[in-house]
Each structure stands twice: as C-alpha cells, then as structure tokens.
Full PDB file with SEQRES, HELIX, SHEET, SSBOND, CRYST1, ORIGX, SCALE, CONECT and MASTER records, all heavy atoms in Angstrom:
SEQRES   1 A   37  LEU ARG LEU SER CYS ALA ALA SER GLY ILE ILE PHE SER          
SEQRES   2 A   37  ILE ASN SER MET ALA TRP TYR ARG GLN ALA PRO GLY LYS          
SEQRES   3 A   37  GLU ARG GLU LEU VAL ALA LEU ILE THR SER GLY                  
HELIX    1 AA1 PHE A   12  ILE A   14  5                                   3    
SHEET    1 AA1 2 MET A  17  ARG A  21  0                                        
SHEET    2 AA1 2 GLU A  29  ILE A  34 -1                                        
CRYST1    1.000    1.000    1.000  90.00  90.00  90.00 P 1           1          
ORIGX1      1.000000  0.000000  0.000000        0.00000                         
ORIGX2      0.000000  1.000000  0.000000        0.00000                         
ORIGX3      0.000000  0.000000  1.000000        0.00000                         
SCALE1      1.000000  0.000000  0.000000        0.00000                         
SCALE2      0.000000  1.000000  0.000000        0.00000                         
SCALE3      0.000000  0.000000  1.000000        0.00000                         
ATOM      1  N   LEU A   1      -3.879 -63.571 -25.887  1.00  0.00           N  
ATOM      2  CA  LEU A   1      -3.139 -64.777 -25.531  1.00  0.00           C  
ATOM      3  C   LEU A   1      -2.007 -64.941 -26.529  1.00  0.00           C  
ATOM      4  O   LEU A   1      -2.119 -64.492 -27.682  1.00  0.00           O  
ATOM      5  CB  LEU A   1      -4.031 -66.024 -25.594  1.00  0.00           C  
ATOM      6  CG  LEU A   1      -4.991 -66.329 -24.460  1.00  0.00           C  
ATOM      7  CD1 LEU A   1      -5.848 -67.541 -24.815  1.00  0.00           C  
ATOM      8  CD2 LEU A   1      -4.266 -66.554 -23.146  1.00  0.00           C  
ATOM      9  N   ARG A   2      -0.934 -65.601 -26.089  1.00  0.00           N  
ATOM     10  CA  ARG A   2       0.133 -65.967 -27.013  1.00  0.00           C  
ATOM     11  C   ARG A   2       0.334 -67.466 -26.965  1.00  0.00           C  
ATOM     12  O   ARG A   2       0.630 -68.014 -25.900  1.00  0.00           O  
ATOM     13  CB  ARG A   2       1.446 -65.245 -26.692  1.00  0.00           C  
ATOM     14  CG  ARG A   2       2.492 -65.490 -27.778  1.00  0.00           C  
ATOM     15  CD  ARG A   2       3.773 -64.734 -27.552  1.00  0.00           C  
ATOM     16  NE  ARG A   2       4.653 -65.405 -26.608  1.00  0.00           N  
ATOM     17  CZ  ARG A   2       5.970 -65.248 -26.587  1.00  0.00           C  
ATOM     18  NH1 ARG A   2       6.549 -64.455 -27.479  1.00  0.00           N  
ATOM     19  NH2 ARG A   2       6.698 -65.869 -25.679  1.00  0.00           N  
ATOM     20  N   LEU A   3       0.162 -68.091 -28.101  1.00  0.00           N  
ATOM     21  CA  LEU A   3       0.407 -69.522 -28.221  1.00  0.00           C  
ATOM     22  C   LEU A   3       1.837 -69.754 -28.687  1.00  0.00           C  
ATOM     23  O   LEU A   3       2.382 -68.970 -29.468  1.00  0.00           O  
ATOM     24  CB  LEU A   3      -0.551 -70.155 -29.218  1.00  0.00           C  
ATOM     25  CG  LEU A   3      -2.044 -69.939 -28.988  1.00  0.00           C  
ATOM     26  CD1 LEU A   3      -2.854 -70.702 -30.033  1.00  0.00           C  
ATOM     27  CD2 LEU A   3      -2.452 -70.318 -27.586  1.00  0.00           C  
ATOM     28  N   SER A   4       2.421 -70.846 -28.206  1.00  0.00           N  
ATOM     29  CA  SER A   4       3.760 -71.250 -28.627  1.00  0.00           C  
ATOM     30  C   SER A   4       3.713 -72.681 -29.145  1.00  0.00           C  
ATOM     31  O   SER A   4       2.921 -73.496 -28.666  1.00  0.00           O  
ATOM     32  CB  SER A   4       4.735 -71.174 -27.455  1.00  0.00           C  
ATOM     33  OG  SER A   4       4.831 -69.867 -26.938  1.00  0.00           O  
ATOM     34  N   CYS A   5       4.580 -72.973 -30.095  1.00  0.00           N  
ATOM     35  CA  CYS A   5       4.722 -74.324 -30.615  1.00  0.00           C  
ATOM     36  C   CYS A   5       6.204 -74.625 -30.736  1.00  0.00           C  
ATOM     37  O   CYS A   5       6.901 -74.009 -31.553  1.00  0.00           O  
ATOM     38  CB  CYS A   5       4.038 -74.473 -31.967  1.00  0.00           C  
ATOM     39  SG  CYS A   5       4.367 -76.051 -32.805  1.00  0.00           S  
ATOM     40  N   ALA A   6       6.663 -75.551 -29.914  1.00  0.00           N  
ATOM     41  CA  ALA A   6       8.068 -75.945 -29.939  1.00  0.00           C  
ATOM     42  C   ALA A   6       8.220 -77.185 -30.821  1.00  0.00           C  
ATOM     43  O   ALA A   6       7.514 -78.182 -30.642  1.00  0.00           O  
ATOM     44  CB  ALA A   6       8.544 -76.251 -28.526  1.00  0.00           C  
ATOM     45  N   ALA A   7       9.131 -77.100 -31.769  1.00  0.00           N  
ATOM     46  CA  ALA A   7       9.346 -78.183 -32.728  1.00  0.00           C  
ATOM     47  C   ALA A   7      10.653 -78.901 -32.452  1.00  0.00           C  
ATOM     48  O   ALA A   7      11.641 -78.273 -32.060  1.00  0.00           O  
ATOM     49  CB  ALA A   7       9.343 -77.632 -34.144  1.00  0.00           C  
ATOM     50  N   SER A   8      10.643 -80.198 -32.671  1.00  0.00           N  
ATOM     51  CA  SER A   8      11.868 -80.980 -32.568  1.00  0.00           C  
ATOM     52  C   SER A   8      11.856 -82.043 -33.659  1.00  0.00           C  
ATOM     53  O   SER A   8      10.803 -82.416 -34.169  1.00  0.00           O  
ATOM     54  CB  SER A   8      11.983 -81.623 -31.190  1.00  0.00           C  
ATOM     55  OG  SER A   8      10.886 -82.479 -30.940  1.00  0.00           O  
ATOM     56  N   GLY A   9      13.045 -82.484 -34.015  1.00  0.00           N  
ATOM     57  CA  GLY A   9      13.148 -83.528 -35.026  1.00  0.00           C  
ATOM     58  C   GLY A   9      13.123 -83.036 -36.456  1.00  0.00           C  
ATOM     59  O   GLY A   9      13.056 -83.834 -37.390  1.00  0.00           O  
ATOM     60  N   ILE A  10      13.156 -81.715 -36.633  1.00  0.00           N  
ATOM     61  CA  ILE A  10      13.163 -81.141 -37.972  1.00  0.00           C  
ATOM     62  C   ILE A  10      14.219 -80.050 -38.057  1.00  0.00           C  
ATOM     63  O   ILE A  10      14.662 -79.540 -37.022  1.00  0.00           O  
ATOM     64  CB  ILE A  10      11.798 -80.544 -38.369  1.00  0.00           C  
ATOM     65  CG1 ILE A  10      11.413 -79.380 -37.438  1.00  0.00           C  
ATOM     66  CG2 ILE A  10      10.730 -81.605 -38.362  1.00  0.00           C  
ATOM     67  CD1 ILE A  10      10.157 -78.656 -37.866  1.00  0.00           C  
ATOM     68  N   ILE A  11      14.602 -79.732 -39.293  1.00  0.00           N  
ATOM     69  CA  ILE A  11      15.451 -78.557 -39.496  1.00  0.00           C  
ATOM     70  C   ILE A  11      14.504 -77.373 -39.549  1.00  0.00           C  
ATOM     71  O   ILE A  11      14.013 -76.988 -40.603  1.00  0.00           O  
ATOM     72  CB  ILE A  11      16.278 -78.682 -40.783  1.00  0.00           C  
ATOM     73  CG1 ILE A  11      17.082 -79.987 -40.759  1.00  0.00           C  
ATOM     74  CG2 ILE A  11      17.211 -77.475 -40.928  1.00  0.00           C  
ATOM     75  CD1 ILE A  11      17.825 -80.278 -42.045  1.00  0.00           C  
ATOM     76  N   PHE A  12      14.232 -76.839 -38.375  1.00  0.00           N  
ATOM     77  CA  PHE A  12      13.129 -75.893 -38.201  1.00  0.00           C  
ATOM     78  C   PHE A  12      13.214 -74.720 -39.163  1.00  0.00           C  
ATOM     79  O   PHE A  12      12.211 -74.293 -39.723  1.00  0.00           O  
ATOM     80  CB  PHE A  12      13.124 -75.395 -36.757  1.00  0.00           C  
ATOM     81  CG  PHE A  12      12.016 -74.445 -36.433  1.00  0.00           C  
ATOM     82  CD1 PHE A  12      10.736 -74.904 -36.177  1.00  0.00           C  
ATOM     83  CD2 PHE A  12      12.253 -73.072 -36.379  1.00  0.00           C  
ATOM     84  CE1 PHE A  12       9.704 -74.026 -35.880  1.00  0.00           C  
ATOM     85  CE2 PHE A  12      11.235 -72.185 -36.081  1.00  0.00           C  
ATOM     86  CZ  PHE A  12       9.948 -72.660 -35.825  1.00  0.00           C  
ATOM     87  N   SER A  13      14.412 -74.215 -39.358  1.00  0.00           N  
ATOM     88  CA  SER A  13      14.564 -72.955 -40.094  1.00  0.00           C  
ATOM     89  C   SER A  13      14.123 -73.055 -41.545  1.00  0.00           C  
ATOM     90  O   SER A  13      13.834 -72.031 -42.168  1.00  0.00           O  
ATOM     91  CB  SER A  13      16.015 -72.477 -40.027  1.00  0.00           C  
ATOM     92  OG  SER A  13      16.865 -73.443 -40.616  1.00  0.00           O  
ATOM     93  N   ILE A  14      14.061 -74.259 -42.124  1.00  0.00           N  
ATOM     94  CA  ILE A  14      13.713 -74.363 -43.535  1.00  0.00           C  
ATOM     95  C   ILE A  14      12.260 -74.752 -43.755  1.00  0.00           C  
ATOM     96  O   ILE A  14      11.821 -74.882 -44.894  1.00  0.00           O  
ATOM     97  CB  ILE A  14      14.620 -75.379 -44.271  1.00  0.00           C  
ATOM     98  CG1 ILE A  14      14.355 -76.818 -43.783  1.00  0.00           C  
ATOM     99  CG2 ILE A  14      16.072 -75.005 -44.124  1.00  0.00           C  
ATOM    100  CD1 ILE A  14      15.066 -77.858 -44.618  1.00  0.00           C  
ATOM    101  N   ASN A  15      11.526 -74.929 -42.663  1.00  0.00           N  
ATOM    102  CA  ASN A  15      10.134 -75.364 -42.789  1.00  0.00           C  
ATOM    103  C   ASN A  15       9.141 -74.234 -42.584  1.00  0.00           C  
ATOM    104  O   ASN A  15       9.314 -73.419 -41.678  1.00  0.00           O  
ATOM    105  CB  ASN A  15       9.828 -76.459 -41.775  1.00  0.00           C  
ATOM    106  CG  ASN A  15      10.435 -77.778 -42.170  1.00  0.00           C  
ATOM    107  OD1 ASN A  15      11.504 -78.138 -41.733  1.00  0.00           O  
ATOM    108  ND2 ASN A  15       9.747 -78.502 -43.027  1.00  0.00           N  
ATOM    109  N   SER A  16       8.101 -74.226 -43.419  1.00  0.00           N  
ATOM    110  CA  SER A  16       6.971 -73.362 -43.127  1.00  0.00           C  
ATOM    111  C   SER A  16       6.227 -73.943 -41.922  1.00  0.00           C  
ATOM    112  O   SER A  16       6.177 -75.162 -41.744  1.00  0.00           O  
ATOM    113  CB  SER A  16       6.018 -73.305 -44.324  1.00  0.00           C  
ATOM    114  OG  SER A  16       6.626 -72.653 -45.421  1.00  0.00           O  
ATOM    115  N   MET A  17       5.677 -73.078 -41.120  1.00  0.00           N  
ATOM    116  CA  MET A  17       4.925 -73.467 -39.933  1.00  0.00           C  
ATOM    117  C   MET A  17       3.562 -72.791 -39.982  1.00  0.00           C  
ATOM    118  O   MET A  17       3.437 -71.661 -40.476  1.00  0.00           O  
ATOM    119  CB  MET A  17       5.660 -73.059 -38.663  1.00  0.00           C  
ATOM    120  CG  MET A  17       7.052 -73.639 -38.515  1.00  0.00           C  
ATOM    121  SD  MET A  17       7.062 -75.435 -38.350  1.00  0.00           S  
ATOM    122  CE  MET A  17       6.141 -75.649 -36.824  1.00  0.00           C  
ATOM    123  N   ALA A  18       2.556 -73.474 -39.462  1.00  0.00           N  
ATOM    124  CA  ALA A  18       1.210 -72.925 -39.520  1.00  0.00           C  
ATOM    125  C   ALA A  18       0.445 -73.205 -38.237  1.00  0.00           C  
ATOM    126  O   ALA A  18       0.770 -74.142 -37.501  1.00  0.00           O  
ATOM    127  CB  ALA A  18       0.449 -73.513 -40.714  1.00  0.00           C  
ATOM    128  N   TRP A  19      -0.555 -72.393 -38.015  1.00  0.00           N  
ATOM    129  CA  TRP A  19      -1.535 -72.604 -36.946  1.00  0.00           C  
ATOM    130  C   TRP A  19      -2.895 -72.833 -37.593  1.00  0.00           C  
ATOM    131  O   TRP A  19      -3.309 -72.065 -38.476  1.00  0.00           O  
ATOM    132  CB  TRP A  19      -1.616 -71.394 -36.029  1.00  0.00           C  
ATOM    133  CG  TRP A  19      -0.451 -71.228 -35.123  1.00  0.00           C  
ATOM    134  CD1 TRP A  19       0.646 -70.432 -35.316  1.00  0.00           C  
ATOM    135  CD2 TRP A  19      -0.255 -71.875 -33.865  1.00  0.00           C  
ATOM    136  NE1 TRP A  19       1.510 -70.543 -34.268  1.00  0.00           N  
ATOM    137  CE2 TRP A  19       0.979 -71.432 -33.353  1.00  0.00           C  
ATOM    138  CE3 TRP A  19      -0.999 -72.788 -33.112  1.00  0.00           C  
ATOM    139  CZ2 TRP A  19       1.486 -71.860 -32.122  1.00  0.00           C  
ATOM    140  CZ3 TRP A  19      -0.498 -73.223 -31.895  1.00  0.00           C  
ATOM    141  CH2 TRP A  19       0.728 -72.764 -31.417  1.00  0.00           C  
ATOM    142  N   TYR A  20      -3.553 -73.872 -37.150  1.00  0.00           N  
ATOM    143  CA  TYR A  20      -4.924 -74.175 -37.530  1.00  0.00           C  
ATOM    144  C   TYR A  20      -5.785 -74.130 -36.272  1.00  0.00           C  
ATOM    145  O   TYR A  20      -5.266 -74.191 -35.158  1.00  0.00           O  
ATOM    146  CB  TYR A  20      -5.035 -75.574 -38.137  1.00  0.00           C  
ATOM    147  CG  TYR A  20      -4.533 -75.713 -39.544  1.00  0.00           C  
ATOM    148  CD1 TYR A  20      -3.173 -75.710 -39.834  1.00  0.00           C  
ATOM    149  CD2 TYR A  20      -5.418 -75.880 -40.605  1.00  0.00           C  
ATOM    150  CE1 TYR A  20      -2.708 -75.847 -41.133  1.00  0.00           C  
ATOM    151  CE2 TYR A  20      -4.977 -76.030 -41.905  1.00  0.00           C  
ATOM    152  CZ  TYR A  20      -3.620 -76.021 -42.166  1.00  0.00           C  
ATOM    153  OH  TYR A  20      -3.176 -76.166 -43.463  1.00  0.00           O  
ATOM    154  N   ARG A  21      -7.094 -74.073 -36.470  1.00  0.00           N  
ATOM    155  CA  ARG A  21      -8.003 -74.184 -35.339  1.00  0.00           C  
ATOM    156  C   ARG A  21      -9.234 -74.970 -35.748  1.00  0.00           C  
ATOM    157  O   ARG A  21      -9.601 -75.021 -36.923  1.00  0.00           O  
ATOM    158  CB  ARG A  21      -8.405 -72.809 -34.801  1.00  0.00           C  
ATOM    159  CG  ARG A  21      -9.272 -71.974 -35.726  1.00  0.00           C  
ATOM    160  CD  ARG A  21      -9.497 -70.591 -35.129  1.00  0.00           C  
ATOM    161  NE  ARG A  21     -10.328 -69.745 -35.995  1.00  0.00           N  
ATOM    162  CZ  ARG A  21     -10.560 -68.454 -35.766  1.00  0.00           C  
ATOM    163  NH1 ARG A  21     -10.015 -67.852 -34.701  1.00  0.00           N  
ATOM    164  NH2 ARG A  21     -11.334 -67.765 -36.577  1.00  0.00           N  
ATOM    165  N   GLN A  22      -9.852 -75.577 -34.742  1.00  0.00           N  
ATOM    166  CA  GLN A  22     -11.068 -76.338 -34.972  1.00  0.00           C  
ATOM    167  C   GLN A  22     -12.036 -76.111 -33.829  1.00  0.00           C  
ATOM    168  O   GLN A  22     -11.721 -76.436 -32.675  1.00  0.00           O  
ATOM    169  CB  GLN A  22     -10.765 -77.825 -35.131  1.00  0.00           C  
ATOM    170  CG  GLN A  22     -11.966 -78.648 -35.543  1.00  0.00           C  
ATOM    171  CD  GLN A  22     -11.595 -80.046 -35.980  1.00  0.00           C  
ATOM    172  OE1 GLN A  22     -10.535 -80.572 -35.633  1.00  0.00           O  
ATOM    173  NE2 GLN A  22     -12.453 -80.688 -36.762  1.00  0.00           N  
ATOM    174  N   ALA A  23     -13.177 -75.551 -34.164  1.00  0.00           N  
ATOM    175  CA  ALA A  23     -14.236 -75.343 -33.189  1.00  0.00           C  
ATOM    176  C   ALA A  23     -15.176 -76.553 -33.212  1.00  0.00           C  
ATOM    177  O   ALA A  23     -15.251 -77.258 -34.217  1.00  0.00           O  
ATOM    178  CB  ALA A  23     -14.999 -74.067 -33.513  1.00  0.00           C  
ATOM    179  N   PRO A  24     -15.900 -76.789 -32.125  1.00  0.00           N  
ATOM    180  CA  PRO A  24     -16.817 -77.930 -32.088  1.00  0.00           C  
ATOM    181  C   PRO A  24     -17.812 -77.898 -33.241  1.00  0.00           C  
ATOM    182  O   PRO A  24     -18.431 -76.861 -33.515  1.00  0.00           O  
ATOM    183  CB  PRO A  24     -17.526 -77.756 -30.743  1.00  0.00           C  
ATOM    184  CG  PRO A  24     -16.548 -77.016 -29.908  1.00  0.00           C  
ATOM    185  CD  PRO A  24     -15.855 -76.078 -30.841  1.00  0.00           C  
ATOM    186  N   GLY A  25     -17.929 -79.006 -33.951  1.00  0.00           N  
ATOM    187  CA  GLY A  25     -18.874 -79.109 -35.046  1.00  0.00           C  
ATOM    188  C   GLY A  25     -18.432 -78.455 -36.331  1.00  0.00           C  
ATOM    189  O   GLY A  25     -19.208 -78.411 -37.300  1.00  0.00           O  
ATOM    190  N   LYS A  26     -17.213 -77.936 -36.349  1.00  0.00           N  
ATOM    191  CA  LYS A  26     -16.719 -77.257 -37.550  1.00  0.00           C  
ATOM    192  C   LYS A  26     -15.463 -77.942 -38.065  1.00  0.00           C  
ATOM    193  O   LYS A  26     -14.779 -78.662 -37.336  1.00  0.00           O  
ATOM    194  CB  LYS A  26     -16.438 -75.784 -37.268  1.00  0.00           C  
ATOM    195  CG  LYS A  26     -17.673 -74.974 -36.920  1.00  0.00           C  
ATOM    196  CD  LYS A  26     -17.345 -73.495 -36.836  1.00  0.00           C  
ATOM    197  CE  LYS A  26     -18.593 -72.673 -36.579  1.00  0.00           C  
ATOM    198  NZ  LYS A  26     -18.289 -71.206 -36.522  1.00  0.00           N  
ATOM    199  N   GLU A  27     -15.143 -77.667 -39.331  1.00  0.00           N  
ATOM    200  CA  GLU A  27     -13.921 -78.225 -39.905  1.00  0.00           C  
ATOM    201  C   GLU A  27     -12.700 -77.454 -39.412  1.00  0.00           C  
ATOM    202  O   GLU A  27     -12.797 -76.280 -39.047  1.00  0.00           O  
ATOM    203  CB  GLU A  27     -13.995 -78.157 -41.438  1.00  0.00           C  
ATOM    204  CG  GLU A  27     -15.053 -79.079 -42.039  1.00  0.00           C  
ATOM    205  CD  GLU A  27     -14.958 -79.130 -43.549  1.00  0.00           C  
ATOM    206  OE1 GLU A  27     -14.149 -78.387 -44.138  1.00  0.00           O  
ATOM    207  OE2 GLU A  27     -15.711 -79.918 -44.142  1.00  0.00           O  
ATOM    208  N   ARG A  28     -11.560 -78.141 -39.433  1.00  0.00           N  
ATOM    209  CA  ARG A  28     -10.319 -77.470 -39.080  1.00  0.00           C  
ATOM    210  C   ARG A  28      -9.992 -76.440 -40.162  1.00  0.00           C  
ATOM    211  O   ARG A  28     -10.119 -76.717 -41.352  1.00  0.00           O  
ATOM    212  CB  ARG A  28      -9.198 -78.498 -38.959  1.00  0.00           C  
ATOM    213  CG  ARG A  28      -7.943 -77.990 -38.321  1.00  0.00           C  
ATOM    214  CD  ARG A  28      -6.983 -79.125 -38.001  1.00  0.00           C  
ATOM    215  NE  ARG A  28      -7.508 -80.017 -36.977  1.00  0.00           N  
ATOM    216  CZ  ARG A  28      -6.782 -80.964 -36.392  1.00  0.00           C  
ATOM    217  NH1 ARG A  28      -5.510 -81.135 -36.723  1.00  0.00           N  
ATOM    218  NH2 ARG A  28      -7.330 -81.741 -35.480  1.00  0.00           N  
ATOM    219  N   GLU A  29      -9.569 -75.252 -39.745  1.00  0.00           N  
ATOM    220  CA  GLU A  29      -9.281 -74.191 -40.688  1.00  0.00           C  
ATOM    221  C   GLU A  29      -7.906 -73.587 -40.432  1.00  0.00           C  
ATOM    222  O   GLU A  29      -7.449 -73.517 -39.291  1.00  0.00           O  
ATOM    223  CB  GLU A  29     -10.338 -73.083 -40.605  1.00  0.00           C  
ATOM    224  CG  GLU A  29     -10.405 -72.366 -39.276  1.00  0.00           C  
ATOM    225  CD  GLU A  29     -11.356 -71.172 -39.280  1.00  0.00           C  
ATOM    226  OE1 GLU A  29     -11.847 -70.783 -40.353  1.00  0.00           O  
ATOM    227  OE2 GLU A  29     -11.588 -70.615 -38.186  1.00  0.00           O  
ATOM    228  N   LEU A  30      -7.283 -73.137 -41.523  1.00  0.00           N  
ATOM    229  CA  LEU A  30      -5.989 -72.477 -41.429  1.00  0.00           C  
ATOM    230  C   LEU A  30      -6.179 -71.077 -40.867  1.00  0.00           C  
ATOM    231  O   LEU A  30      -6.992 -70.297 -41.358  1.00  0.00           O  
ATOM    232  CB  LEU A  30      -5.339 -72.401 -42.807  1.00  0.00           C  
ATOM    233  CG  LEU A  30      -4.004 -71.658 -42.901  1.00  0.00           C  
ATOM    234  CD1 LEU A  30      -2.936 -72.351 -42.067  1.00  0.00           C  
ATOM    235  CD2 LEU A  30      -3.567 -71.562 -44.366  1.00  0.00           C  
ATOM    236  N   VAL A  31      -5.406 -70.766 -39.837  1.00  0.00           N  
ATOM    237  CA  VAL A  31      -5.472 -69.452 -39.205  1.00  0.00           C  
ATOM    238  C   VAL A  31      -4.337 -68.556 -39.706  1.00  0.00           C  
ATOM    239  O   VAL A  31      -4.568 -67.407 -40.101  1.00  0.00           O  
ATOM    240  CB  VAL A  31      -5.392 -69.577 -37.675  1.00  0.00           C  
ATOM    241  CG1 VAL A  31      -5.343 -68.205 -37.019  1.00  0.00           C  
ATOM    242  CG2 VAL A  31      -6.570 -70.386 -37.148  1.00  0.00           C  
ATOM    243  N   ALA A  32      -3.119 -69.066 -39.672  1.00  0.00           N  
ATOM    244  CA  ALA A  32      -1.955 -68.273 -40.061  1.00  0.00           C  
ATOM    245  C   ALA A  32      -0.819 -69.202 -40.449  1.00  0.00           C  
ATOM    246  O   ALA A  32      -0.734 -70.327 -39.954  1.00  0.00           O  
ATOM    247  CB  ALA A  32      -1.515 -67.354 -38.924  1.00  0.00           C  
ATOM    248  N   LEU A  33       0.052 -68.690 -41.312  1.00  0.00           N  
ATOM    249  CA  LEU A  33       1.202 -69.467 -41.779  1.00  0.00           C  
ATOM    250  C   LEU A  33       2.388 -68.542 -41.923  1.00  0.00           C  
ATOM    251  O   LEU A  33       2.232 -67.358 -42.281  1.00  0.00           O  
ATOM    252  CB  LEU A  33       0.871 -70.120 -43.113  1.00  0.00           C  
ATOM    253  CG  LEU A  33       1.959 -70.937 -43.816  1.00  0.00           C  
ATOM    254  CD1 LEU A  33       1.333 -72.121 -44.552  1.00  0.00           C  
ATOM    255  CD2 LEU A  33       2.760 -70.094 -44.800  1.00  0.00           C  
ATOM    256  N   ILE A  34       3.569 -69.077 -41.647  1.00  0.00           N  
ATOM    257  CA  ILE A  34       4.805 -68.322 -41.844  1.00  0.00           C  
ATOM    258  C   ILE A  34       5.796 -69.222 -42.562  1.00  0.00           C  
ATOM    259  O   ILE A  34       6.008 -70.373 -42.181  1.00  0.00           O  
ATOM    260  CB  ILE A  34       5.363 -67.797 -40.502  1.00  0.00           C  
ATOM    261  CG1 ILE A  34       6.582 -66.898 -40.749  1.00  0.00           C  
ATOM    262  CG2 ILE A  34       5.673 -68.922 -39.523  1.00  0.00           C  
ATOM    263  CD1 ILE A  34       6.970 -66.076 -39.514  1.00  0.00           C  
ATOM    264  N   THR A  35       6.397 -68.692 -43.623  1.00  0.00           N  
ATOM    265  CA  THR A  35       7.354 -69.472 -44.396  1.00  0.00           C  
ATOM    266  C   THR A  35       8.748 -69.391 -43.782  1.00  0.00           C  
ATOM    267  O   THR A  35       8.985 -68.629 -42.837  1.00  0.00           O  
ATOM    268  CB  THR A  35       7.410 -68.969 -45.842  1.00  0.00           C  
ATOM    269  OG1 THR A  35       8.013 -67.658 -45.845  1.00  0.00           O  
ATOM    270  CG2 THR A  35       6.022 -68.890 -46.466  1.00  0.00           C  
ATOM    271  N   SER A  36       9.661 -70.142 -44.373  1.00  0.00           N  
ATOM    272  CA  SER A  36      11.042 -70.085 -43.895  1.00  0.00           C  
ATOM    273  C   SER A  36      11.634 -68.698 -44.134  1.00  0.00           C  
ATOM    274  O   SER A  36      12.528 -68.264 -43.400  1.00  0.00           O  
ATOM    275  CB  SER A  36      11.892 -71.143 -44.596  1.00  0.00           C  
ATOM    276  OG  SER A  36      11.872 -70.941 -46.003  1.00  0.00           O  
ATOM    277  N   GLY A  37      11.104 -68.007 -45.134  1.00  0.00           N  
ATOM    278  CA  GLY A  37      11.575 -66.657 -45.416  1.00  0.00           C  
ATOM    279  C   GLY A  37      10.799 -65.590 -44.684  1.00  0.00           C  
ATOM    280  O   GLY A  37      10.958 -64.408 -44.959  1.00  0.00           O  
TER     281      GLY A  37                                                      
MASTER        0    0    0    1    2    0    0    6  280    1    0    3          
END                                                                             
C-alpha cells in the first residue's frame, strides 16, 4: 500500500514529516520520519 499525506498551512519544504501508527490497545509509535534535507 502507499499512504499519502497532503499538508497545507505550512512551509512544507522546511518541515520534517513523520508517520506514526497505533494498533488497538497499543501506544502510538513512530514508523518513519523524513527531514527537510
């Protein structure tokens, strides 16, 4: 699968972006992150 996240209201290019996930009964966890660089 490919997930997409469209951002608005920010200067997107200078922000790090991340994906988290949360399964039932579990804490939210960081899956992946990408920096502005």
